[in-house]
């Protein structure tokens, strides 16, 4: 029998679709240079294809219902060769050249990135590491990416398990994560905002629940946030939070890291500042005490098949304490 908190979390799960409906995950509302270029390519191809379709439908109407003189005219050999061979080759060649030229502009990198971030596709969440210019890890988070607005950011996209696809449609196109290979993607958000991303390559049972959020901050705020993330977790003072920490060390430290404590597990996400993230469980639930409790008690009920077991044997008091401790890790 699932813990009662699971019922609350299941209700929260139903609300996650609101993110996609609010324009923060839409290629139709580009908020970055690459996304704008992709949207332009799509518009040109759609208009071009639509005009060709209308032309073909017009000829079909004339062939079926037009006057005999017009039917005879469109049946001429020269018109069929011109419309069936010359016209498609010319139009498709122009569209192909245009697409290649537009795409080439998206891969050129004329300036050094303001930040370098390694994104690793896990089962089924995103490991996020911020790198210094030499490639050394500065700090690690999960499912929550912060970038400086108005500046170019380089993403190093990889996987150690299966093929995923990193996609933040408001900001850029898709980039596959290939096991044993590192792909590079440049992203720039034109202005501060919150943008939802998604795995776009089927990768297993919880593929649909493998989301993340990219939050573009003013450069000064980004620098302050990154500096805060490098700090270890603060030692809890309240008795309830201390009790929650003890529960965590007993049951969770083997898989998760909280810097500044003895928890140093690498299998699951780094939780040092998990309370400050936009969501939990790879975009599946909002970030609050109730969601933490529901996820801890019933992760297999909320997201079946993920690698975290459900801790439904915790007492109500113990579950509340550990959820409050998670929420306090700002």
C-alpha atoms as a PDB file:
ATOM      1  CA  UNK A   1       0.000   0.000   0.000  1.00  0.00           C
ATOM      2  CA  UNK A   2       1.666   3.279  -1.085  1.00  0.00           C
ATOM      3  CA  UNK A   3       2.265   5.945   1.563  1.00  0.00           C
ATOM      4  CA  UNK A   4      -0.562   8.535   1.723  1.00  0.00           C
ATOM      5  CA  UNK A   5       1.845  11.253   0.591  1.00  0.00           C
ATOM      6  CA  UNK A   6       2.090   9.423  -2.735  1.00  0.00           C
ATOM      7  CA  UNK A   7      -1.516  10.415  -3.459  1.00  0.00           C
ATOM      8  CA  UNK A   8      -0.545  14.075  -3.139  1.00  0.00           C
ATOM      9  CA  UNK A   9       2.469  13.594  -5.376  1.00  0.00           C
ATOM     10  CA  UNK A  10       0.353  11.846  -8.008  1.00  0.00           C
ATOM     11  CA  UNK A  11      -1.905  14.898  -8.127  1.00  0.00           C
ATOM     12  CA  UNK A  12       1.148  17.100  -8.550  1.00  0.00           C
ATOM     13  CA  UNK A  13       2.264  14.873 -11.409  1.00  0.00           C
ATOM     14  CA  UNK A  14      -0.859  15.792 -13.350  1.00  0.00           C
ATOM     15  CA  UNK A  15       0.152  19.444 -13.209  1.00  0.00           C
ATOM     16  CA  UNK A  16       3.468  18.989 -14.977  1.00  0.00           C
ATOM     17  CA  UNK A  17       1.875  19.301 -18.433  1.00  0.00           C
ATOM     18  CA  UNK A  18       1.172  22.961 -17.687  1.00  0.00           C
ATOM     19  CA  UNK A  19       4.837  23.748 -18.402  1.00  0.00           C
ATOM     20  CA  UNK A  20       4.541  22.661 -22.031  1.00  0.00           C
ATOM     21  CA  UNK A  21       1.308  24.637 -22.416  1.00  0.00           C
ATOM     22  CA  UNK A  22       2.733  27.912 -21.120  1.00  0.00           C
ATOM     23  CA  UNK A  23       5.187  28.494 -23.968  1.00  0.00           C
ATOM     24  CA  UNK A  24       8.365  27.527 -22.111  1.00  0.00           C
ATOM     25  CA  UNK A  25       8.821  24.450 -24.306  1.00  0.00           C
ATOM     26  CA  UNK A  26       7.889  25.507 -27.810  1.00  0.00           C
ATOM     27  CA  UNK A  27       9.928  25.798 -30.986  1.00  0.00           C
ATOM     28  CA  UNK A  28       7.279  28.265 -32.182  1.00  0.00           C
ATOM     29  CA  UNK A  29       8.366  30.884 -29.615  1.00  0.00           C
ATOM     30  CA  UNK A  30      12.140  31.130 -30.104  1.00  0.00           C
ATOM     31  CA  UNK A  31      14.111  32.946 -27.419  1.00  0.00           C
ATOM     32  CA  UNK A  32      17.601  32.375 -28.799  1.00  0.00           C
ATOM     33  CA  UNK A  33      19.509  32.820 -32.040  1.00  0.00           C
ATOM     34  CA  UNK A  34      19.607  29.146 -33.010  1.00  0.00           C
ATOM     35  CA  UNK A  35      15.940  28.617 -32.247  1.00  0.00           C
ATOM     36  CA  UNK A  36      15.020  31.712 -34.273  1.00  0.00           C
ATOM     37  CA  UNK A  37      17.016  30.396 -37.242  1.00  0.00           C
ATOM     38  CA  UNK A  38      15.329  26.999 -36.980  1.00  0.00           C
ATOM     39  CA  UNK A  39      11.913  28.655 -36.798  1.00  0.00           C
ATOM     40  CA  UNK A  40      12.745  30.704 -39.914  1.00  0.00           C
ATOM     41  CA  UNK A  41      13.809  27.574 -41.814  1.00  0.00           C
ATOM     42  CA  UNK A  42      10.584  25.863 -40.799  1.00  0.00           C
ATOM     43  CA  UNK A  43       8.495  28.857 -41.889  1.00  0.00           C
ATOM     44  CA  UNK A  44      10.188  29.081 -45.296  1.00  0.00           C
ATOM     45  CA  UNK A  45       9.793  25.344 -45.929  1.00  0.00           C
ATOM     46  CA  UNK A  46       6.179  25.382 -44.754  1.00  0.00           C
ATOM     47  CA  UNK A  47       5.253  28.330 -46.972  1.00  0.00           C
ATOM     48  CA  UNK A  48       7.116  26.875 -49.941  1.00  0.00           C
ATOM     49  CA  UNK A  49       5.527  23.461 -49.478  1.00  0.00           C
ATOM     50  CA  UNK A  50       2.108  25.015 -48.997  1.00  0.00           C
ATOM     51  CA  UNK A  51       2.339  27.015 -52.218  1.00  0.00           C
ATOM     52  CA  UNK A  52       3.406  23.933 -54.169  1.00  0.00           C
ATOM     53  CA  UNK A  53       0.532  21.957 -52.647  1.00  0.00           C
ATOM     54  CA  UNK A  54      -2.002  24.622 -53.622  1.00  0.00           C
ATOM     55  CA  UNK A  55      -0.592  24.712 -57.160  1.00  0.00           C
ATOM     56  CA  UNK A  56      -0.882  20.955 -57.506  1.00  0.00           C
ATOM     57  CA  UNK A  57      -4.444  21.007 -56.161  1.00  0.00           C
ATOM     58  CA  UNK A  58      -5.348  23.720 -58.669  1.00  0.00           C
ATOM     59  CA  UNK A  59      -3.991  21.657 -61.558  1.00  0.00           C
ATOM     60  CA  UNK A  60      -5.845  18.615 -60.252  1.00  0.00           C
ATOM     61  CA  UNK A  61      -9.100  20.582 -60.115  1.00  0.00           C
ATOM     62  CA  UNK A  62      -8.594  21.814 -63.690  1.00  0.00           C
ATOM     63  CA  UNK A  63      -7.791  18.277 -64.859  1.00  0.00           C
ATOM     64  CA  UNK A  64     -11.007  16.950 -63.300  1.00  0.00           C
ATOM     65  CA  UNK A  65     -13.513  19.769 -63.723  1.00  0.00           C
ATOM     66  CA  UNK A  66     -11.967  22.438 -65.948  1.00  0.00           C
ATOM     67  CA  UNK A  67     -13.012  23.315 -69.529  1.00  0.00           C
ATOM     68  CA  UNK A  68     -11.802  20.955 -72.233  1.00  0.00           C
ATOM     69  CA  UNK A  69      -9.459  23.590 -73.647  1.00  0.00           C
ATOM     70  CA  UNK A  70      -7.647  23.977 -70.301  1.00  0.00           C
ATOM     71  CA  UNK A  71      -7.531  20.226 -69.736  1.00  0.00           C
ATOM     72  CA  UNK A  72      -5.910  19.785 -73.119  1.00  0.00           C
ATOM     73  CA  UNK A  73      -3.420  22.549 -72.351  1.00  0.00           C
ATOM     74  CA  UNK A  74      -2.182  21.064 -69.041  1.00  0.00           C
ATOM     75  CA  UNK A  75      -1.870  17.692 -70.750  1.00  0.00           C
ATOM     76  CA  UNK A  76       0.786  18.956 -73.122  1.00  0.00           C
ATOM     77  CA  UNK A  77       4.109  17.091 -73.021  1.00  0.00           C
ATOM     78  CA  UNK A  78       6.203  20.241 -72.457  1.00  0.00           C
ATOM     79  CA  UNK A  79       4.111  21.269 -69.467  1.00  0.00           C
ATOM     80  CA  UNK A  80       4.370  17.835 -67.890  1.00  0.00           C
ATOM     81  CA  UNK A  81       8.154  17.798 -68.295  1.00  0.00           C
ATOM     82  CA  UNK A  82       8.483  21.343 -66.975  1.00  0.00           C
ATOM     83  CA  UNK A  83       6.095  20.852 -64.050  1.00  0.00           C
ATOM     84  CA  UNK A  84       7.049  17.278 -63.210  1.00  0.00           C
ATOM     85  CA  UNK A  85      10.843  17.418 -63.622  1.00  0.00           C
ATOM     86  CA  UNK A  86      12.301  20.902 -64.090  1.00  0.00           C
ATOM     87  CA  UNK A  87      10.167  22.704 -61.518  1.00  0.00           C
ATOM     88  CA  UNK A  88      10.685  20.199 -58.625  1.00  0.00           C
ATOM     89  CA  UNK A  89      14.443  20.017 -59.257  1.00  0.00           C
ATOM     90  CA  UNK A  90      14.789  23.814 -59.321  1.00  0.00           C
ATOM     91  CA  UNK A  91      12.613  24.479 -56.265  1.00  0.00           C
ATOM     92  CA  UNK A  92      14.027  21.662 -54.149  1.00  0.00           C
ATOM     93  CA  UNK A  93      17.587  22.651 -55.053  1.00  0.00           C
ATOM     94  CA  UNK A  94      16.966  26.254 -53.960  1.00  0.00           C
ATOM     95  CA  UNK A  95      15.386  25.129 -50.701  1.00  0.00           C
ATOM     96  CA  UNK A  96      18.261  22.716 -50.092  1.00  0.00           C
ATOM     97  CA  UNK A  97      20.893  25.415 -50.648  1.00  0.00           C
ATOM     98  CA  UNK A  98      18.989  27.831 -48.411  1.00  0.00           C
ATOM     99  CA  UNK A  99      18.692  25.226 -45.632  1.00  0.00           C
ATOM    100  CA  UNK A 100      22.384  24.314 -45.790  1.00  0.00           C
ATOM    101  CA  UNK A 101      23.436  27.964 -45.687  1.00  0.00           C
ATOM    102  CA  UNK A 102      21.138  28.723 -42.750  1.00  0.00           C
ATOM    103  CA  UNK A 103      22.266  25.616 -40.845  1.00  0.00           C
ATOM    104  CA  UNK A 104      25.945  26.423 -41.448  1.00  0.00           C
ATOM    105  CA  UNK A 105      25.473  29.739 -39.666  1.00  0.00           C
ATOM    106  CA  UNK A 106      24.206  27.925 -36.570  1.00  0.00           C
ATOM    107  CA  UNK A 107      27.332  25.800 -36.097  1.00  0.00           C
ATOM    108  CA  UNK A 108      29.878  28.606 -36.468  1.00  0.00           C
ATOM    109  CA  UNK A 109      31.359  29.732 -33.137  1.00  0.00           C
ATOM    110  CA  UNK A 110      33.175  33.036 -33.505  1.00  0.00           C
ATOM    111  CA  UNK A 111      33.698  33.769 -29.810  1.00  0.00           C
ATOM    112  CA  UNK A 112      34.742  31.948 -26.674  1.00  0.00           C
ATOM    113  CA  UNK A 113      31.778  30.735 -24.601  1.00  0.00           C
ATOM    114  CA  UNK A 114      30.890  32.517 -21.388  1.00  0.00           C
ATOM    115  CA  UNK A 115      30.322  29.128 -19.725  1.00  0.00           C
ATOM    116  CA  UNK A 116      30.979  25.469 -20.493  1.00  0.00           C
ATOM    117  CA  UNK A 117      28.506  22.899 -19.190  1.00  0.00           C
ATOM    118  CA  UNK A 118      28.686  19.126 -19.488  1.00  0.00           C
ATOM    119  CA  UNK A 119      25.289  17.437 -19.863  1.00  0.00           C
ATOM    120  CA  UNK A 120      25.189  13.676 -19.330  1.00  0.00           C
ATOM    121  CA  UNK A 121      22.054  11.704 -20.118  1.00  0.00           C
ATOM    122  CA  UNK A 122      21.328   9.216 -17.330  1.00  0.00           C
ATOM    123  CA  UNK A 123      18.406   6.807 -16.824  1.00  0.00           C
ATOM    124  CA  UNK A 124      16.187   8.916 -16.667  1.00  0.00           C
ATOM    125  CA  UNK A 125      17.582  12.272 -15.615  1.00  0.00           C
ATOM    126  CA  UNK A 126      20.289  14.771 -16.581  1.00  0.00           C
ATOM    127  CA  UNK A 127      23.636  15.087 -14.795  1.00  0.00           C
ATOM    128  CA  UNK A 128      24.870  18.680 -15.093  1.00  0.00           C
ATOM    129  CA  UNK A 129      28.498  19.666 -14.518  1.00  0.00           C
ATOM    130  CA  UNK A 130      29.898  23.193 -14.801  1.00  0.00           C
ATOM    131  CA  UNK A 131      33.466  23.274 -16.129  1.00  0.00           C
ATOM    132  CA  UNK A 132      36.315  25.747 -15.885  1.00  0.00           C
ATOM    133  CA  UNK A 133      38.356  26.720 -19.002  1.00  0.00           C
ATOM    134  CA  UNK A 134      40.653  23.722 -18.419  1.00  0.00           C
ATOM    135  CA  UNK A 135      37.720  21.295 -18.306  1.00  0.00           C
ATOM    136  CA  UNK A 136      37.820  20.724 -14.533  1.00  0.00           C
ATOM    137  CA  UNK A 137      34.462  20.297 -12.803  1.00  0.00           C
ATOM    138  CA  UNK A 138      33.514  23.363 -10.754  1.00  0.00           C
ATOM    139  CA  UNK A 139      30.197  22.096  -9.446  1.00  0.00           C
ATOM    140  CA  UNK A 140      27.662  19.363 -10.214  1.00  0.00           C
ATOM    141  CA  UNK A 141      23.874  19.619 -10.184  1.00  0.00           C
ATOM    142  CA  UNK A 142      21.022  17.728 -11.868  1.00  0.00           C
ATOM    143  CA  UNK A 143      18.078  18.520 -14.163  1.00  0.00           C
ATOM    144  CA  UNK A 144      18.476  22.260 -13.552  1.00  0.00           C
ATOM    145  CA  UNK A 145      20.709  24.329 -15.834  1.00  0.00           C
ATOM    146  CA  UNK A 146      21.496  27.984 -15.182  1.00  0.00           C
ATOM    147  CA  UNK A 147      23.099  30.077 -17.926  1.00  0.00           C
ATOM    148  CA  UNK A 148      23.967  33.768 -18.336  1.00  0.00           C
ATOM    149  CA  UNK A 149      21.441  35.532 -20.541  1.00  0.00           C
ATOM    150  CA  UNK A 150      22.745  37.262 -23.639  1.00  0.00           C
ATOM    151  CA  UNK A 151      25.960  35.234 -23.689  1.00  0.00           C
ATOM    152  CA  UNK A 152      27.009  32.140 -25.627  1.00  0.00           C
ATOM    153  CA  UNK A 153      27.198  28.896 -23.628  1.00  0.00           C
ATOM    154  CA  UNK A 154      28.840  25.687 -24.831  1.00  0.00           C
ATOM    155  CA  UNK A 155      27.221  22.388 -23.898  1.00  0.00           C
ATOM    156  CA  UNK A 156      29.237  19.171 -24.001  1.00  0.00           C
ATOM    157  CA  UNK A 157      26.582  16.502 -24.456  1.00  0.00           C
ATOM    158  CA  UNK A 158      27.354  12.862 -23.633  1.00  0.00           C
ATOM    159  CA  UNK A 159      25.955   9.569 -22.335  1.00  0.00           C
ATOM    160  CA  UNK A 160      27.322   6.485 -20.588  1.00  0.00           C
ATOM    161  CA  UNK A 161      24.271   4.286 -21.204  1.00  0.00           C
ATOM    162  CA  UNK A 162      21.957   4.674 -24.216  1.00  0.00           C
ATOM    163  CA  UNK A 163      21.332   7.341 -26.845  1.00  0.00           C
ATOM    164  CA  UNK A 164      19.399  10.336 -25.539  1.00  0.00           C
ATOM    165  CA  UNK A 165      18.706  13.661 -27.254  1.00  0.00           C
ATOM    166  CA  UNK A 166      19.135  16.983 -25.475  1.00  0.00           C
ATOM    167  CA  UNK A 167      16.522  19.490 -26.672  1.00  0.00           C
ATOM    168  CA  UNK A 168      15.497  22.904 -25.366  1.00  0.00           C
ATOM    169  CA  UNK A 169      13.204  23.994 -28.215  1.00  0.00           C
ATOM    170  CA  UNK A 170      12.975  27.677 -27.239  1.00  0.00           C
ATOM    171  CA  UNK A 171      16.763  28.018 -27.444  1.00  0.00           C
ATOM    172  CA  UNK A 172      18.246  25.553 -29.950  1.00  0.00           C
ATOM    173  CA  UNK A 173      17.831  22.368 -31.932  1.00  0.00           C
ATOM    174  CA  UNK A 174      18.319  18.791 -30.791  1.00  0.00           C
ATOM    175  CA  UNK A 175      21.682  17.248 -29.994  1.00  0.00           C
ATOM    176  CA  UNK A 176      22.040  13.485 -29.528  1.00  0.00           C
ATOM    177  CA  UNK A 177      24.037  12.048 -26.638  1.00  0.00           C
ATOM    178  CA  UNK A 178      26.066   9.177 -28.072  1.00  0.00           C
ATOM    179  CA  UNK A 179      27.753   6.689 -25.686  1.00  0.00           C
ATOM    180  CA  UNK A 180      31.523   7.028 -26.002  1.00  0.00           C
ATOM    181  CA  UNK A 181      31.319  10.330 -27.886  1.00  0.00           C
ATOM    182  CA  UNK A 182      31.025  13.996 -26.863  1.00  0.00           C
ATOM    183  CA  UNK A 183      28.884  16.316 -28.997  1.00  0.00           C
ATOM    184  CA  UNK A 184      29.039  20.090 -28.695  1.00  0.00           C
ATOM    185  CA  UNK A 185      26.156  22.533 -28.847  1.00  0.00           C
ATOM    186  CA  UNK A 186      26.139  26.339 -28.571  1.00  0.00           C
ATOM    187  CA  UNK A 187      23.130  27.972 -26.927  1.00  0.00           C
ATOM    188  CA  UNK A 188      22.365  31.586 -26.183  1.00  0.00           C
ATOM    189  CA  UNK A 189      19.245  32.908 -24.492  1.00  0.00           C
ATOM    190  CA  UNK A 190      18.453  36.415 -25.698  1.00  0.00           C
ATOM    191  CA  UNK A 191      16.941  37.425 -22.376  1.00  0.00           C
ATOM    192  CA  UNK A 192      16.351  36.027 -18.873  1.00  0.00           C
ATOM    193  CA  UNK A 193      13.677  33.383 -18.614  1.00  0.00           C
ATOM    194  CA  UNK A 194      12.774  29.776 -17.835  1.00  0.00           C
ATOM    195  CA  UNK A 195      12.822  27.248 -20.669  1.00  0.00           C
ATOM    196  CA  UNK A 196      11.822  23.601 -20.420  1.00  0.00           C
ATOM    197  CA  UNK A 197      13.911  20.953 -22.136  1.00  0.00           C
ATOM    198  CA  UNK A 198      13.180  17.324 -22.917  1.00  0.00           C
ATOM    199  CA  UNK A 199      14.878  14.140 -24.052  1.00  0.00           C
ATOM    200  CA  UNK A 200      13.863  13.836 -27.708  1.00  0.00           C
ATOM    201  CA  UNK A 201      15.157  10.302 -28.390  1.00  0.00           C
ATOM    202  CA  UNK A 202      13.307   7.290 -26.990  1.00  0.00           C
ATOM    203  CA  UNK A 203      15.588   5.907 -24.285  1.00  0.00           C
ATOM    204  CA  UNK A 204      13.460   3.579 -22.205  1.00  0.00           C
ATOM    205  CA  UNK A 205      10.360   3.308 -20.087  1.00  0.00           C
ATOM    206  CA  UNK A 206      10.628   6.788 -18.508  1.00  0.00           C
ATOM    207  CA  UNK A 207      11.744   8.649 -21.620  1.00  0.00           C
ATOM    208  CA  UNK A 208       8.693  10.934 -21.462  1.00  0.00           C
ATOM    209  CA  UNK A 209       9.575  11.939 -17.883  1.00  0.00           C
ATOM    210  CA  UNK A 210      13.182  12.915 -18.635  1.00  0.00           C
ATOM    211  CA  UNK A 211      12.918  16.693 -18.630  1.00  0.00           C
ATOM    212  CA  UNK A 212      14.993  19.590 -17.366  1.00  0.00           C
ATOM    213  CA  UNK A 213      14.779  23.351 -17.048  1.00  0.00           C
ATOM    214  CA  UNK A 214      17.214  25.897 -18.431  1.00  0.00           C
ATOM    215  CA  UNK A 215      17.041  29.144 -16.485  1.00  0.00           C
ATOM    216  CA  UNK A 216      18.720  32.159 -18.068  1.00  0.00           C
ATOM    217  CA  UNK A 217      19.844  34.712 -15.496  1.00  0.00           C
ATOM    218  CA  UNK A 218      21.350  38.183 -15.853  1.00  0.00           C
ATOM    219  CA  UNK A 219      25.144  37.651 -15.977  1.00  0.00           C
ATOM    220  CA  UNK A 220      25.721  39.130 -12.524  1.00  0.00           C
ATOM    221  CA  UNK A 221      23.024  36.927 -10.988  1.00  0.00           C
ATOM    222  CA  UNK A 222      24.460  33.911 -12.780  1.00  0.00           C
ATOM    223  CA  UNK A 223      27.921  34.563 -11.315  1.00  0.00           C
ATOM    224  CA  UNK A 224      26.419  34.882  -7.815  1.00  0.00           C
ATOM    225  CA  UNK A 225      24.421  31.679  -8.276  1.00  0.00           C
ATOM    226  CA  UNK A 226      27.452  29.719  -9.466  1.00  0.00           C
ATOM    227  CA  UNK A 227      29.528  30.947  -6.538  1.00  0.00           C
ATOM    228  CA  UNK A 228      26.791  29.869  -4.119  1.00  0.00           C
ATOM    229  CA  UNK A 229      26.572  26.438  -5.746  1.00  0.00           C
ATOM    230  CA  UNK A 230      30.247  25.770  -5.062  1.00  0.00           C
ATOM    231  CA  UNK A 231      29.639  26.042  -1.318  1.00  0.00           C
ATOM    232  CA  UNK A 232      28.949  22.895   0.750  1.00  0.00           C
ATOM    233  CA  UNK A 233      25.560  22.277   2.281  1.00  0.00           C
ATOM    234  CA  UNK A 234      24.877  24.167   5.495  1.00  0.00           C
ATOM    235  CA  UNK A 235      24.736  22.130   8.677  1.00  0.00           C
ATOM    236  CA  UNK A 236      21.121  21.985   9.931  1.00  0.00           C
ATOM    237  CA  UNK A 237      20.384  23.657  13.265  1.00  0.00           C
ATOM    238  CA  UNK A 238      16.777  22.689  13.940  1.00  0.00           C
ATOM    239  CA  UNK A 239      16.215  19.327  15.599  1.00  0.00           C
ATOM    240  CA  UNK A 240      13.786  18.173  12.894  1.00  0.00           C
ATOM    241  CA  UNK A 241      16.309  18.935  10.149  1.00  0.00           C
ATOM    242  CA  UNK A 242      19.060  17.159  12.063  1.00  0.00           C
ATOM    243  CA  UNK A 243      16.778  14.132  12.349  1.00  0.00           C
ATOM    244  CA  UNK A 244      16.079  14.341   8.613  1.00  0.00           C
ATOM    245  CA  UNK A 245      19.787  14.403   7.910  1.00  0.00           C
ATOM    246  CA  UNK A 246      20.270  11.233   9.962  1.00  0.00           C
ATOM    247  CA  UNK A 247      17.517   9.479   8.020  1.00  0.00           C
ATOM    248  CA  UNK A 248      19.186  10.571   4.789  1.00  0.00           C
ATOM    249  CA  UNK A 249      22.633   9.345   5.827  1.00  0.00           C
ATOM    250  CA  UNK A 250      21.183   5.982   6.758  1.00  0.00           C
ATOM    251  CA  UNK A 251      19.140   5.366   3.593  1.00  0.00           C
ATOM    252  CA  UNK A 252      20.320   7.666   0.788  1.00  0.00           C
ATOM    253  CA  UNK A 253      24.028   8.439   1.154  1.00  0.00           C
ATOM    254  CA  UNK A 254      25.072   5.358  -0.822  1.00  0.00           C
ATOM    255  CA  UNK A 255      23.603   6.826  -4.025  1.00  0.00           C
ATOM    256  CA  UNK A 256      23.628  10.603  -3.529  1.00  0.00           C
ATOM    257  CA  UNK A 257      26.199  13.272  -2.722  1.00  0.00           C
ATOM    258  CA  UNK A 258      25.685  16.177  -0.367  1.00  0.00           C
ATOM    259  CA  UNK A 259      28.935  18.122  -0.249  1.00  0.00           C
ATOM    260  CA  UNK A 260      29.966  18.973   3.274  1.00  0.00           C
ATOM    261  CA  UNK A 261      28.597  15.692   4.631  1.00  0.00           C
ATOM    262  CA  UNK A 262      29.638  12.047   4.492  1.00  0.00           C
ATOM    263  CA  UNK A 263      27.184  11.405   1.651  1.00  0.00           C
ATOM    264  CA  UNK A 264      29.297  10.797  -1.453  1.00  0.00           C
ATOM    265  CA  UNK A 265      27.257   8.464  -3.683  1.00  0.00           C
ATOM    266  CA  UNK A 266      27.589   8.906  -7.430  1.00  0.00           C
ATOM    267  CA  UNK A 267      24.766   6.725  -8.795  1.00  0.00           C
ATOM    268  CA  UNK A 268      22.054   9.336  -8.326  1.00  0.00           C
ATOM    269  CA  UNK A 269      21.901  13.123  -8.616  1.00  0.00           C
ATOM    270  CA  UNK A 270      24.046  15.411  -6.472  1.00  0.00           C
ATOM    271  CA  UNK A 271      21.646  16.861  -3.884  1.00  0.00           C
ATOM    272  CA  UNK A 272      23.880  19.480  -2.241  1.00  0.00           C
ATOM    273  CA  UNK A 273      21.541  22.361  -3.101  1.00  0.00           C
ATOM    274  CA  UNK A 274      18.517  20.429  -4.317  1.00  0.00           C
ATOM    275  CA  UNK A 275      16.090  22.699  -2.452  1.00  0.00           C
ATOM    276  CA  UNK A 276      16.960  25.586  -4.773  1.00  0.00           C
ATOM    277  CA  UNK A 277      16.177  23.751  -8.021  1.00  0.00           C
ATOM    278  CA  UNK A 278      13.166  24.442 -10.205  1.00  0.00           C
ATOM    279  CA  UNK A 279      11.770  20.907 -10.014  1.00  0.00           C
ATOM    280  CA  UNK A 280      12.638  17.417  -8.804  1.00  0.00           C
ATOM    281  CA  UNK A 281      12.689  13.959 -10.418  1.00  0.00           C
ATOM    282  CA  UNK A 282      13.803  15.366 -13.804  1.00  0.00           C
ATOM    283  CA  UNK A 283      10.929  17.784 -14.190  1.00  0.00           C
ATOM    284  CA  UNK A 284       8.291  15.325 -12.974  1.00  0.00           C
ATOM    285  CA  UNK A 285       7.336  17.166  -9.764  1.00  0.00           C
ATOM    286  CA  UNK A 286       7.541  20.752  -8.476  1.00  0.00           C
ATOM    287  CA  UNK A 287      10.115  21.493  -5.798  1.00  0.00           C
ATOM    288  CA  UNK A 288       8.444  21.613  -2.386  1.00  0.00           C
ATOM    289  CA  UNK A 289       8.226  19.581   0.816  1.00  0.00           C
ATOM    290  CA  UNK A 290       5.131  17.647  -0.246  1.00  0.00           C
ATOM    291  CA  UNK A 291       6.693  16.642  -3.560  1.00  0.00           C
ATOM    292  CA  UNK A 292       9.880  15.529  -1.804  1.00  0.00           C
ATOM    293  CA  UNK A 293       7.854  13.368   0.569  1.00  0.00           C
ATOM    294  CA  UNK A 294       5.821  11.846  -2.246  1.00  0.00           C
ATOM    295  CA  UNK A 295       8.924  11.102  -4.302  1.00  0.00           C
ATOM    296  CA  UNK A 296      10.813   9.507  -1.393  1.00  0.00           C
ATOM    297  CA  UNK A 297       7.875   7.347  -0.346  1.00  0.00           C
ATOM    298  CA  UNK A 298       6.646   6.388  -3.802  1.00  0.00           C
ATOM    299  CA  UNK A 299       9.182   7.067  -6.519  1.00  0.00           C
ATOM    300  CA  UNK A 300       8.314   3.770  -8.228  1.00  0.00           C
ATOM    301  CA  UNK A 301       4.631   4.687  -8.147  1.00  0.00           C
ATOM    302  CA  UNK A 302       5.257   8.142  -9.628  1.00  0.00           C
ATOM    303  CA  UNK A 303       7.987   7.169 -12.111  1.00  0.00           C
ATOM    304  CA  UNK A 304       7.981   3.365 -12.507  1.00  0.00           C
ATOM    305  CA  UNK A 305      11.267   1.781 -13.505  1.00  0.00           C
ATOM    306  CA  UNK A 306      13.575   4.551 -12.343  1.00  0.00           C
ATOM    307  CA  UNK A 307      16.646   3.521 -10.354  1.00  0.00           C
ATOM    308  CA  UNK A 308      15.487   4.925  -7.008  1.00  0.00           C
ATOM    309  CA  UNK A 309      13.492   2.526  -4.805  1.00  0.00           C
ATOM    310  CA  UNK A 310      10.368   3.632  -2.963  1.00  0.00           C
ATOM    311  CA  UNK A 311      11.033   4.124   0.753  1.00  0.00           C
ATOM    312  CA  UNK A 312       7.461   3.392   1.789  1.00  0.00           C
ATOM    313  CA  UNK A 313       8.514   1.827   5.082  1.00  0.00           C
ATOM    314  CA  UNK A 314       9.375   5.194   6.636  1.00  0.00           C
ATOM    315  CA  UNK A 315       7.108   6.420   9.397  1.00  0.00           C
ATOM    316  CA  UNK A 316       5.099   9.550   8.727  1.00  0.00           C
ATOM    317  CA  UNK A 317       7.333  11.497  11.090  1.00  0.00           C
ATOM    318  CA  UNK A 318      10.531  10.195   9.520  1.00  0.00           C
ATOM    319  CA  UNK A 319       9.261  10.955   6.016  1.00  0.00           C
ATOM    320  CA  UNK A 320       8.369  14.478   7.038  1.00  0.00           C
ATOM    321  CA  UNK A 321      11.789  15.055   8.598  1.00  0.00           C
ATOM    322  CA  UNK A 322      13.794  13.881   5.591  1.00  0.00           C
ATOM    323  CA  UNK A 323      11.563  15.829   3.182  1.00  0.00           C
ATOM    324  CA  UNK A 324      12.078  18.985   5.240  1.00  0.00           C
ATOM    325  CA  UNK A 325      15.812  18.379   5.231  1.00  0.00           C
ATOM    326  CA  UNK A 326      15.811  18.066   1.426  1.00  0.00           C
ATOM    327  CA  UNK A 327      13.814  21.266   1.124  1.00  0.00           C
ATOM    328  CA  UNK A 328      16.291  23.097   3.385  1.00  0.00           C
ATOM    329  CA  UNK A 329      19.235  22.404   1.059  1.00  0.00           C
ATOM    330  CA  UNK A 330      19.129  25.762  -0.701  1.00  0.00           C
END
